[in-house]
Structures are given as structure tokens and as C-alpha cells.
C-alpha atoms as a PDB file:
ATOM      1  CA  MET A   1      -3.115 -14.754 -26.756  1.00  0.00           C
ATOM      2  CA  ILE A   2      -6.514 -13.727 -28.016  1.00  0.00           C
ATOM      3  CA  ALA A   3      -6.284 -11.381 -31.027  1.00  0.00           C
ATOM      4  CA  ILE A   4      -9.431  -9.566 -32.129  1.00  0.00           C
ATOM      5  CA  ASP A   5      -9.947  -7.047 -34.897  1.00  0.00           C
ATOM      6  CA  GLY A   6     -12.244  -4.415 -33.404  1.00  0.00           C
ATOM      7  CA  ALA A   7     -13.278  -3.193 -36.867  1.00  0.00           C
ATOM      8  CA  GLN A   8     -15.322  -6.323 -37.621  1.00  0.00           C
ATOM      9  CA  LYS A   9     -19.097  -6.089 -38.126  1.00  0.00           C
ATOM     10  CA  SER A  10     -20.352  -2.738 -36.830  1.00  0.00           C
ATOM     11  CA  GLY A  11     -17.095  -2.103 -34.984  1.00  0.00           C
ATOM     12  CA  SER A  12     -18.923  -1.082 -31.827  1.00  0.00           C
ATOM     13  CA  GLY A  13     -17.720  -0.972 -28.246  1.00  0.00           C
ATOM     14  CA  THR A  14     -19.528  -4.256 -27.667  1.00  0.00           C
ATOM     15  CA  ILE A  15     -16.546  -6.001 -29.269  1.00  0.00           C
ATOM     16  CA  VAL A  16     -14.257  -4.264 -26.763  1.00  0.00           C
ATOM     17  CA  ARG A  17     -16.381  -5.217 -23.754  1.00  0.00           C
ATOM     18  CA  TYR A  18     -16.912  -8.829 -24.856  1.00  0.00           C
ATOM     19  CA  ALA A  19     -13.233  -9.283 -25.750  1.00  0.00           C
ATOM     20  CA  VAL A  20     -12.106  -8.022 -22.343  1.00  0.00           C
ATOM     21  CA  ALA A  21     -14.628 -10.265 -20.580  1.00  0.00           C
ATOM     22  CA  LEU A  22     -13.596 -13.321 -22.632  1.00  0.00           C
ATOM     23  CA  ALA A  23      -9.888 -12.744 -21.999  1.00  0.00           C
ATOM     24  CA  SER A  24     -10.589 -12.295 -18.277  1.00  0.00           C
ATOM     25  CA  LEU A  25     -12.598 -15.500 -18.048  1.00  0.00           C
ATOM     26  CA  LEU A  26      -9.968 -17.493 -19.930  1.00  0.00           C
ATOM     27  CA  GLY A  27      -7.021 -15.834 -18.188  1.00  0.00           C
ATOM     28  CA  GLN A  28      -5.465 -15.009 -21.547  1.00  0.00           C
ATOM     29  CA  PRO A  29      -3.717 -11.856 -22.743  1.00  0.00           C
ATOM     30  CA  LEU A  30      -5.711  -9.807 -25.231  1.00  0.00           C
ATOM     31  CA  HIS A  31      -4.577  -7.955 -28.342  1.00  0.00           C
ATOM     32  CA  LEU A  32      -7.504  -5.889 -29.563  1.00  0.00           C
ATOM     33  CA  PHE A  33      -6.630  -3.804 -32.605  1.00  0.00           C
ATOM     34  CA  ASN A  34      -8.665  -1.370 -34.721  1.00  0.00           C
ATOM     35  CA  ALA A  35     -10.890  -0.649 -31.727  1.00  0.00           C
ATOM     36  CA  ARG A  36     -14.085   0.965 -33.015  1.00  0.00           C
ATOM     37  CA  ALA A  37     -12.330   1.783 -36.312  1.00  0.00           C
ATOM     38  CA  LYS A  38     -15.572   2.392 -38.222  1.00  0.00           C
ATOM     39  CA  ARG A  39     -16.955   4.878 -35.686  1.00  0.00           C
ATOM     40  CA  ASP A  40     -16.968   8.672 -36.002  1.00  0.00           C
ATOM     41  CA  LYS A  41     -14.711   8.751 -32.935  1.00  0.00           C
ATOM     42  CA  PRO A  42     -12.588   5.591 -33.211  1.00  0.00           C
ATOM     43  CA  GLY A  43     -10.589   4.143 -30.340  1.00  0.00           C
ATOM     44  CA  LEU A  44     -11.391   3.531 -26.726  1.00  0.00           C
ATOM     45  CA  ARG A  45     -13.877   5.748 -24.932  1.00  0.00           C
ATOM     46  CA  PRO A  46     -14.124   6.193 -21.135  1.00  0.00           C
ATOM     47  CA  GLN A  47     -16.844   3.548 -20.812  1.00  0.00           C
ATOM     48  CA  HIS A  48     -14.552   0.958 -22.436  1.00  0.00           C
ATOM     49  CA  LEU A  49     -11.790   1.647 -19.935  1.00  0.00           C
ATOM     50  CA  SER A  50     -14.423   1.283 -17.212  1.00  0.00           C
ATOM     51  CA  SER A  51     -15.250  -2.205 -18.466  1.00  0.00           C
ATOM     52  CA  VAL A  52     -11.544  -3.127 -18.412  1.00  0.00           C
ATOM     53  CA  LEU A  53     -11.268  -1.929 -14.808  1.00  0.00           C
ATOM     54  CA  ALA A  54     -14.481  -3.749 -13.839  1.00  0.00           C
ATOM     55  CA  CYS A  55     -13.104  -7.033 -15.188  1.00  0.00           C
ATOM     56  CA  ALA A  56      -9.827  -6.432 -13.363  1.00  0.00           C
ATOM     57  CA  GLU A  57     -11.762  -5.840 -10.144  1.00  0.00           C
ATOM     58  CA  LEU A  58     -13.666  -9.105 -10.570  1.00  0.00           C
ATOM     59  CA  CYS A  59     -10.498 -11.078 -11.333  1.00  0.00           C
ATOM     60  CA  GLY A  60      -8.972 -10.791  -7.929  1.00  0.00           C
ATOM     61  CA  PHE A  61      -8.013  -8.948  -4.807  1.00  0.00           C
ATOM     62  CA  PHE A  62      -6.794  -5.423  -5.589  1.00  0.00           C
ATOM     63  CA  HIS A  63      -6.295  -6.117  -9.315  1.00  0.00           C
ATOM     64  CA  TYR A  64      -8.642  -3.241 -10.013  1.00  0.00           C
ATOM     65  CA  GLN A  65      -6.145  -0.886  -8.355  1.00  0.00           C
ATOM     66  CA  MET A  66      -3.398  -1.931 -10.751  1.00  0.00           C
ATOM     67  CA  ARG A  67      -3.121   0.692 -13.413  1.00  0.00           C
ATOM     68  CA  ALA A  68      -1.740   0.142 -16.868  1.00  0.00           C
ATOM     69  CA  ILE A  69      -0.655   2.432 -19.627  1.00  0.00           C
ATOM     70  CA  PHE A  70      -2.651   1.960 -22.798  1.00  0.00           C
ATOM     71  CA  GLU A  71      -0.897   2.866 -25.999  1.00  0.00           C
ATOM     72  CA  VAL A  72      -2.719   2.909 -29.298  1.00  0.00           C
ATOM     73  CA  VAL A  73      -0.432   1.756 -32.103  1.00  0.00           C
ATOM     74  CA  SER A  74      -0.791   0.617 -35.684  1.00  0.00           C
ATOM     75  CA  GLU A  75      -0.844  -3.060 -36.597  1.00  0.00           C
ATOM     76  CA  GLU A  76       2.644  -2.663 -38.076  1.00  0.00           C
ATOM     77  CA  GLN A  77       3.987  -1.122 -34.847  1.00  0.00           C
ATOM     78  CA  TYR A  78       2.403  -3.917 -32.816  1.00  0.00           C
ATOM     79  CA  ARG A  79       3.926  -6.630 -34.994  1.00  0.00           C
ATOM     80  CA  LYS A  80       7.350  -4.999 -34.663  1.00  0.00           C
ATOM     81  CA  TRP A  81       6.967  -4.776 -30.880  1.00  0.00           C
ATOM     82  CA  ILE A  82       5.779  -8.381 -30.489  1.00  0.00           C
ATOM     83  CA  SER A  83       8.674  -9.664 -32.612  1.00  0.00           C
ATOM     84  CA  GLU A  84      11.111  -7.980 -30.206  1.00  0.00           C
ATOM     85  CA  GLN A  85       9.608  -9.575 -27.086  1.00  0.00           C
ATOM     86  CA  GLN A  86      11.429 -12.353 -25.279  1.00  0.00           C
ATOM     87  CA  THR A  87       9.608 -15.665 -24.870  1.00  0.00           C
ATOM     88  CA  PHE A  88       9.762 -17.613 -21.635  1.00  0.00           C
ATOM     89  CA  LEU A  89       8.647 -21.053 -22.789  1.00  0.00           C
END
């Protein structure tokens, strides 16, 4: 899993777009937290979701039509959730 703190440096949407592209190229799951935390309007904006869908479209046949639910949670909530997940290895 690739984990990226979106509040690093300027905390711009560039981190979001590059992280999604990197995860797509490597075929790895992505945990991006604190997305645009330093911005006046933190969190994902419509153009960031568009970049996620564009990468999904490029990844394979009909992947772009798969829809996911995005839930913004705190780092503490994420850590709790990940600790409850079952591993398959």
C-alpha cells in the first residue's frame, strides 16, 4: 500500500493527482490522508475525482464505470478501520 500525507509541502491537488497516477501505474492500493489540508477548502474537489476516474479508465476495460464510495475520515479512524481488516496472505 502506498500511504501519502496530502498536507506535505504546499498541500495542493497535485499531490492527489500524482499519488493516484503512481498507484495506478504500480497497481497498488493508495491511502491518501490530509488531502489538501492546508488549503482554504481542504479535501477533494471535483477535479480530483475526475483524475481518479481518468486513471481508472486508463487501467482497463470498463474500470472507469466502476463507482466507489469515498469517505473522508481522520487518521485515527483510518488506523482503527485498517486494524479490523482481514489479511489474505
